[in-house]
Amino acid sequence: MQADTQLTQDNVLERKCLTASEDMLLAGLVGRGIQRSRTPEMHMAEASAHGIRSVYKIIDFDVFSGREPDLAEILSAAEMTGFNGLNVTYPFKIQVVPLLDQLSANAKAVGSVNTVVFRDGRRYGHNTDLWGFAESFRRGMEGAARRKVLLIGAGGAGVAVAHALADLGIENLLVFDIDPIRAARLVAQLKINRPATTTEVVDHLDAGTVSGLDGIVNATPIGMAKAPGSAFPAELLDQAMWVADIVYFPLETQLLKDARKIGCRILPGSGMAIFQASRSFELLTDRPADPERLKTTFDNFVEPGGT
């Protein structure tokens, strides 16, 4: 797969010119509405398994009191205080790009970053979402039809998922976003980066648009605890479709509940979260992560409040 090749090349480059801290992981997750994220626990448990001390902080812009810092200030503060790097999530995956010194092949191709590594006075941007979604799909959706798929969301996560879907062999990819300009930009990008996949923008979701779909992927934050609801009308679902979501808190979004109720094959966001974390941990520490161990941590996570 193209994504795997690019990630391997990125990792070789990192190892040739950079050295990771041998005994400490200091990192954080930057985003909005992320208090229920399982990323910190996965990274800290994996670090412990490697004998590495770790501190992993949630940097949630939704809970700052007083003046809210901007993203550039957060990066500078983390870099100056010795962080190995940062994971970046909604809504900063595209916004962070101009604040970095160098992008990996994957990050450059998709224009979106979810892992920032601080090394030798430079900021390196990576995208592990692409491989994370692709690997989750390969393991969880074996044999799924791939002729015609609808992607909902063309933001920072959506661009990575779109490229992953193309690498997975989707023949015809429809892209919907509430911002049609953003959807058109992603389609234009895919025509250059993944020309073997036919891509087109859809400007509304109705029975005609979804006719003949094999699958649907939600790559928006709709369905998160802070943004409840579904990005796709339940009445348009058909049991012949498979349905995937990248949201994992809650584990079963409204979209997945609706799909499961009528018998659709479903793919939760947990797989993407685990596999992207596996690649991210390796970039931050220069040590291979164990996806099964990460999954155990993910599954045993107790959400804030004990739920």
Protein backbone atom coordinates (compact mmCIF):
# COMPACT_ATOMS: atom_id res chain seq x y z
CA MET A 1 0.00 0.00 0.00
CA GLN A 2 1.20 3.52 -0.80
CA ALA A 3 0.47 4.77 2.71
CA ASP A 4 2.57 2.03 4.32
CA THR A 5 5.49 2.79 1.99
CA GLN A 6 5.43 6.49 2.79
CA LEU A 7 5.28 5.87 6.54
CA THR A 8 8.20 3.47 6.36
CA GLN A 9 10.24 6.06 4.46
CA ASP A 10 9.31 8.72 7.02
CA ASN A 11 10.40 6.49 9.91
CA VAL A 12 13.73 5.70 8.23
CA LEU A 13 14.36 9.43 7.76
CA GLU A 14 13.56 10.08 11.43
CA ARG A 15 15.96 7.40 12.60
CA LYS A 16 18.80 8.57 10.38
CA CYS A 17 18.78 12.19 11.44
CA LEU A 18 17.04 12.32 14.82
CA THR A 19 17.38 10.65 18.18
CA ALA A 20 14.54 10.27 20.68
CA SER A 21 14.75 10.65 24.42
CA GLU A 22 15.74 7.30 25.87
CA ASP A 23 13.95 7.44 29.19
CA MET A 24 11.14 10.01 29.11
CA LEU A 25 8.00 10.72 27.12
CA LEU A 26 6.58 14.19 27.65
CA ALA A 27 3.72 14.85 25.26
CA GLY A 28 0.19 16.18 24.97
CA LEU A 29 -2.99 16.18 22.94
CA VAL A 30 -4.22 19.52 21.58
CA GLY A 31 -7.83 20.02 20.53
CA ARG A 32 -11.34 20.97 21.60
CA GLY A 33 -13.78 18.88 23.59
CA ILE A 34 -11.21 16.15 24.26
CA GLN A 35 -11.58 15.48 27.98
CA ARG A 36 -12.78 11.93 27.23
CA SER A 37 -9.91 11.09 24.91
CA ARG A 38 -8.18 7.75 25.47
CA THR A 39 -4.99 8.86 23.72
CA PRO A 40 -3.12 9.88 26.91
CA GLU A 41 -3.74 6.53 28.60
CA MET A 42 -2.65 4.59 25.53
CA HIS A 43 0.62 6.50 25.23
CA MET A 44 1.45 6.38 28.93
CA ALA A 45 0.68 2.66 29.25
CA GLU A 46 2.77 1.89 26.17
CA ALA A 47 5.63 3.99 27.53
CA SER A 48 5.48 2.09 30.81
CA ALA A 49 5.65 -1.22 28.91
CA HIS A 50 8.90 0.01 27.34
CA GLY A 51 10.30 1.13 30.69
CA ILE A 52 9.93 4.81 29.80
CA ARG A 53 8.70 7.39 32.29
CA SER A 54 5.89 9.47 30.84
CA VAL A 55 3.68 12.49 31.31
CA TYR A 56 0.94 13.04 28.73
CA LYS A 57 -1.34 16.06 29.12
CA ILE A 58 -4.69 16.95 27.59
CA ILE A 59 -4.59 20.52 26.25
CA ASP A 60 -8.27 21.24 25.68
CA PHE A 61 -9.06 24.69 24.30
CA ASP A 62 -12.64 24.32 25.50
CA VAL A 63 -11.68 24.40 29.16
CA PHE A 64 -9.15 27.25 29.31
CA SER A 65 -10.09 29.92 31.83
CA GLY A 66 -9.32 33.54 31.10
CA ARG A 67 -7.59 34.46 27.85
CA GLU A 68 -7.43 31.57 25.41
CA PRO A 69 -3.93 31.07 23.96
CA ASP A 70 -3.56 30.54 20.26
CA LEU A 71 -2.15 27.38 18.72
CA ALA A 72 1.24 28.95 18.00
CA GLU A 73 1.65 29.79 21.69
CA ILE A 74 0.84 26.23 22.71
CA LEU A 75 3.43 24.81 20.32
CA SER A 76 6.08 27.25 21.51
CA ALA A 77 5.38 26.52 25.17
CA ALA A 78 5.52 22.77 24.64
CA GLU A 79 8.74 23.01 22.66
CA MET A 80 10.44 25.28 25.19
CA THR A 81 9.51 23.04 28.11
CA GLY A 82 11.05 19.94 26.57
CA PHE A 83 8.06 18.06 25.15
CA ASN A 84 8.90 15.22 22.77
CA GLY A 85 5.93 16.37 20.72
CA LEU A 86 2.18 16.83 20.50
CA ASN A 87 -0.75 14.99 19.05
CA VAL A 88 -3.19 17.30 17.30
CA THR A 89 -6.90 16.74 16.83
CA TYR A 90 -10.06 18.65 15.88
CA PRO A 91 -10.06 21.47 14.85
CA PHE A 92 -6.31 22.11 14.49
CA LYS A 93 -4.99 19.45 12.08
CA ILE A 94 -4.80 21.83 9.13
CA GLN A 95 -4.22 25.00 11.14
CA VAL A 96 -1.01 23.57 12.63
CA VAL A 97 0.69 22.97 9.26
CA PRO A 98 2.16 26.46 8.68
CA LEU A 99 3.61 26.42 12.20
CA LEU A 100 5.93 23.50 11.36
CA ASP A 101 9.39 23.27 9.78
CA GLN A 102 9.07 20.03 7.84
CA LEU A 103 6.31 17.63 6.82
CA SER A 104 6.48 13.90 6.22
CA ALA A 105 5.39 12.58 2.84
CA ASN A 106 1.94 11.64 4.15
CA ALA A 107 1.39 14.96 5.91
CA LYS A 108 2.52 16.88 2.84
CA ALA A 109 0.24 14.88 0.55
CA VAL A 110 -2.89 15.37 2.64
CA GLY A 111 -2.09 18.81 4.06
CA SER A 112 -3.05 17.68 7.54
CA VAL A 113 -1.00 16.87 10.65
CA ASN A 114 -1.95 14.92 13.76
CA THR A 115 1.52 14.33 15.23
CA VAL A 116 4.17 16.98 15.81
CA VAL A 117 7.66 15.87 16.84
CA PHE A 118 10.12 18.33 18.38
CA ARG A 119 13.72 17.38 17.58
CA ASP A 120 16.96 19.35 17.39
CA GLY A 121 15.21 22.71 17.39
CA ARG A 122 12.83 21.79 14.57
CA ARG A 123 9.17 20.84 14.32
CA TYR A 124 8.32 17.78 12.21
CA GLY A 125 4.71 17.19 11.17
CA HIS A 126 3.29 13.73 10.48
CA ASN A 127 -0.08 12.27 9.61
CA THR A 128 -0.74 8.88 11.19
CA ASP A 129 -4.52 9.12 10.69
CA LEU A 130 -4.17 7.92 7.10
CA TRP A 131 -2.55 4.62 8.03
CA GLY A 132 -4.63 4.37 11.20
CA PHE A 133 -7.94 4.41 9.34
CA ALA A 134 -6.66 2.18 6.54
CA GLU A 135 -5.38 -0.46 8.97
CA SER A 136 -8.60 -0.37 10.98
CA PHE A 137 -10.62 -0.86 7.80
CA ARG A 138 -8.40 -3.67 6.55
CA ARG A 139 -8.83 -5.58 9.81
CA GLY A 140 -12.45 -4.74 10.54
CA MET A 141 -14.06 -4.60 7.10
CA GLU A 142 -12.50 -7.49 5.22
CA GLY A 143 -14.54 -8.30 2.13
CA ALA A 144 -16.57 -5.08 2.27
CA ALA A 145 -17.72 -3.75 -1.11
CA ARG A 146 -15.62 -0.82 -2.33
CA ARG A 147 -17.25 0.36 -5.52
CA LYS A 148 -19.04 3.52 -4.32
CA VAL A 149 -18.51 5.22 -0.95
CA LEU A 150 -19.68 8.48 0.61
CA LEU A 151 -17.26 10.43 2.82
CA ILE A 152 -18.86 13.01 5.10
CA GLY A 153 -16.39 15.68 6.19
CA ALA A 154 -13.48 17.26 4.31
CA GLY A 155 -11.62 18.77 7.25
CA GLY A 156 -8.33 17.72 8.84
CA ALA A 157 -9.43 14.16 9.54
CA GLY A 158 -11.46 13.90 6.35
CA VAL A 159 -8.52 14.56 4.06
CA ALA A 160 -6.54 11.74 5.67
CA VAL A 161 -9.50 9.34 5.55
CA ALA A 162 -10.15 10.23 1.91
CA HIS A 163 -6.60 9.29 0.94
CA ALA A 164 -6.86 6.10 2.99
CA LEU A 165 -10.09 5.14 1.23
CA ALA A 166 -8.40 5.65 -2.12
CA ASP A 167 -5.48 3.46 -1.00
CA LEU A 168 -7.99 0.82 0.10
CA GLY A 169 -9.28 0.56 -3.45
CA ILE A 170 -12.48 2.59 -3.35
CA GLU A 171 -13.45 3.09 -7.00
CA ASN A 172 -15.84 6.04 -6.72
CA LEU A 173 -15.62 8.39 -3.73
CA LEU A 174 -18.32 10.99 -3.09
CA VAL A 175 -17.37 13.84 -0.75
CA PHE A 176 -19.90 15.87 1.24
CA ASP A 177 -19.12 18.76 3.56
CA ILE A 178 -21.25 21.59 4.93
CA ASP A 179 -18.62 23.84 3.32
CA PRO A 180 -18.80 22.99 -0.42
CA ILE A 181 -15.58 24.89 -1.10
CA ARG A 182 -13.71 22.67 1.32
CA ALA A 183 -15.23 19.56 -0.30
CA ALA A 184 -14.22 20.80 -3.76
CA ARG A 185 -10.69 21.47 -2.53
CA LEU A 186 -10.38 17.90 -1.23
CA VAL A 187 -11.70 16.43 -4.48
CA ALA A 188 -9.18 18.49 -6.47
CA GLN A 189 -6.42 17.28 -4.16
CA LEU A 190 -7.43 13.64 -4.60
CA LYS A 191 -7.48 13.95 -8.38
CA ILE A 192 -3.79 14.84 -8.16
CA ASN A 193 -2.69 12.53 -5.33
CA ARG A 194 -4.91 9.50 -6.03
CA PRO A 195 -5.95 9.75 -9.71
CA ALA A 196 -7.02 6.09 -9.90
CA THR A 197 -10.01 6.86 -7.68
CA THR A 198 -12.94 8.69 -9.25
CA THR A 199 -13.96 11.52 -6.91
CA GLU A 200 -16.81 14.00 -6.94
CA VAL A 201 -18.48 16.55 -4.68
CA VAL A 202 -22.06 16.08 -3.55
CA ASP A 203 -23.82 19.19 -2.25
CA HIS A 204 -26.71 17.55 -0.40
CA LEU A 205 -27.74 14.22 1.07
CA ASP A 206 -30.94 12.73 -0.31
CA ALA A 207 -32.22 9.45 -1.68
CA GLY A 208 -30.78 10.16 -5.12
CA THR A 209 -27.32 10.94 -3.78
CA VAL A 210 -27.07 7.80 -1.68
CA SER A 211 -28.53 5.43 -4.27
CA GLY A 212 -26.19 2.51 -4.87
CA LEU A 213 -23.78 3.34 -2.04
CA ASP A 214 -21.69 0.49 -0.68
CA GLY A 215 -20.55 2.42 2.37
CA ILE A 216 -20.54 5.65 4.37
CA VAL A 217 -17.74 7.15 6.45
CA ASN A 218 -18.29 9.95 8.95
CA ALA A 219 -15.13 12.05 9.31
CA THR A 220 -16.78 14.98 11.09
CA PRO A 221 -16.96 15.64 14.85
CA ILE A 222 -20.73 15.12 14.77
CA GLY A 223 -21.49 12.29 17.14
CA MET A 224 -18.90 13.33 19.73
CA ALA A 225 -20.10 13.96 23.26
CA LYS A 226 -19.73 17.69 22.62
CA ALA A 227 -21.50 17.51 19.25
CA PRO A 228 -24.29 14.93 19.61
CA GLY A 229 -26.38 13.78 16.68
CA SER A 230 -25.68 12.10 13.37
CA ALA A 231 -23.99 13.45 10.25
CA PHE A 232 -26.21 11.25 8.06
CA PRO A 233 -30.03 11.03 8.00
CA ALA A 234 -31.15 7.75 9.57
CA GLU A 235 -33.99 7.38 7.07
CA LEU A 236 -31.49 7.18 4.20
CA LEU A 237 -29.58 4.23 5.65
CA ASP A 238 -29.93 0.86 3.96
CA GLN A 239 -28.93 -2.46 5.51
CA ALA A 240 -26.87 -3.27 2.42
CA MET A 241 -24.49 -0.42 3.32
CA TRP A 242 -21.53 -0.61 5.65
CA VAL A 243 -21.04 2.39 7.95
CA ALA A 244 -17.80 3.64 9.53
CA ASP A 245 -17.24 6.46 12.01
CA ILE A 246 -13.98 8.01 13.17
CA VAL A 247 -15.51 9.35 16.40
CA TYR A 248 -14.83 7.10 19.38
CA PHE A 249 -16.16 9.01 22.37
CA PRO A 250 -18.81 7.78 22.71
CA LEU A 251 -17.78 4.40 21.32
CA GLU A 252 -21.13 3.98 19.59
CA THR A 253 -22.21 7.22 17.97
CA GLN A 254 -25.78 7.98 16.96
CA LEU A 255 -24.85 7.14 13.37
CA LEU A 256 -23.57 3.71 14.35
CA LYS A 257 -26.61 3.08 16.56
CA ASP A 258 -28.92 3.91 13.66
CA ALA A 259 -26.91 1.70 11.31
CA ARG A 260 -26.71 -1.24 13.69
CA LYS A 261 -30.46 -1.06 14.33
CA ILE A 262 -31.27 -1.83 10.70
CA GLY A 263 -28.55 -4.44 10.27
CA CYS A 264 -25.69 -2.53 8.63
CA ARG A 265 -22.13 -3.73 9.08
CA ILE A 266 -20.39 -1.09 11.21
CA LEU A 267 -16.82 0.04 11.95
CA PRO A 268 -16.33 2.17 15.10
CA GLY A 269 -13.66 4.83 15.47
CA SER A 270 -11.75 2.84 18.09
CA GLY A 271 -9.62 1.04 15.48
CA MET A 272 -8.42 4.23 13.85
CA ALA A 273 -7.64 5.71 17.29
CA ILE A 274 -5.55 2.68 18.25
CA PHE A 275 -3.59 2.34 15.01
CA GLN A 276 -2.86 6.04 14.59
CA ALA A 277 -1.63 6.05 18.20
CA SER A 278 0.65 3.13 17.40
CA ARG A 279 2.41 5.08 14.63
CA SER A 280 2.42 8.27 16.67
CA PHE A 281 4.06 6.58 19.66
CA GLU A 282 6.83 5.27 17.43
CA LEU A 283 7.47 8.74 16.02
CA LEU A 284 7.57 10.32 19.47
CA THR A 285 9.79 7.70 21.11
CA ASP A 286 11.56 5.86 18.27
CA ARG A 287 10.22 2.61 19.73
CA PRO A 288 7.64 0.30 18.11
CA ALA A 289 4.24 0.18 19.78
CA ASP A 290 2.18 -2.97 20.25
CA PRO A 291 -1.33 -2.38 18.80
CA GLU A 292 -2.81 -5.23 20.86
CA ARG A 293 -1.44 -3.71 24.04
CA LEU A 294 -2.82 -0.33 23.00
CA LYS A 295 -6.19 -1.96 22.38
CA THR A 296 -6.20 -3.46 25.86
CA THR A 297 -5.55 -0.03 27.35
CA PHE A 298 -8.24 1.48 25.15
CA ASP A 299 -10.81 -1.16 26.11
CA ASN A 300 -10.05 -0.87 29.84
CA PHE A 301 -10.25 2.92 29.90
CA VAL A 302 -12.56 4.39 32.55
CA GLU A 303 -14.04 7.65 31.34
CA PRO A 304 -13.98 10.77 33.57
CA GLY A 305 -16.84 10.50 36.05
CA GLY A 306 -16.55 6.73 36.20
CA THR A 307 -18.76 6.00 33.21
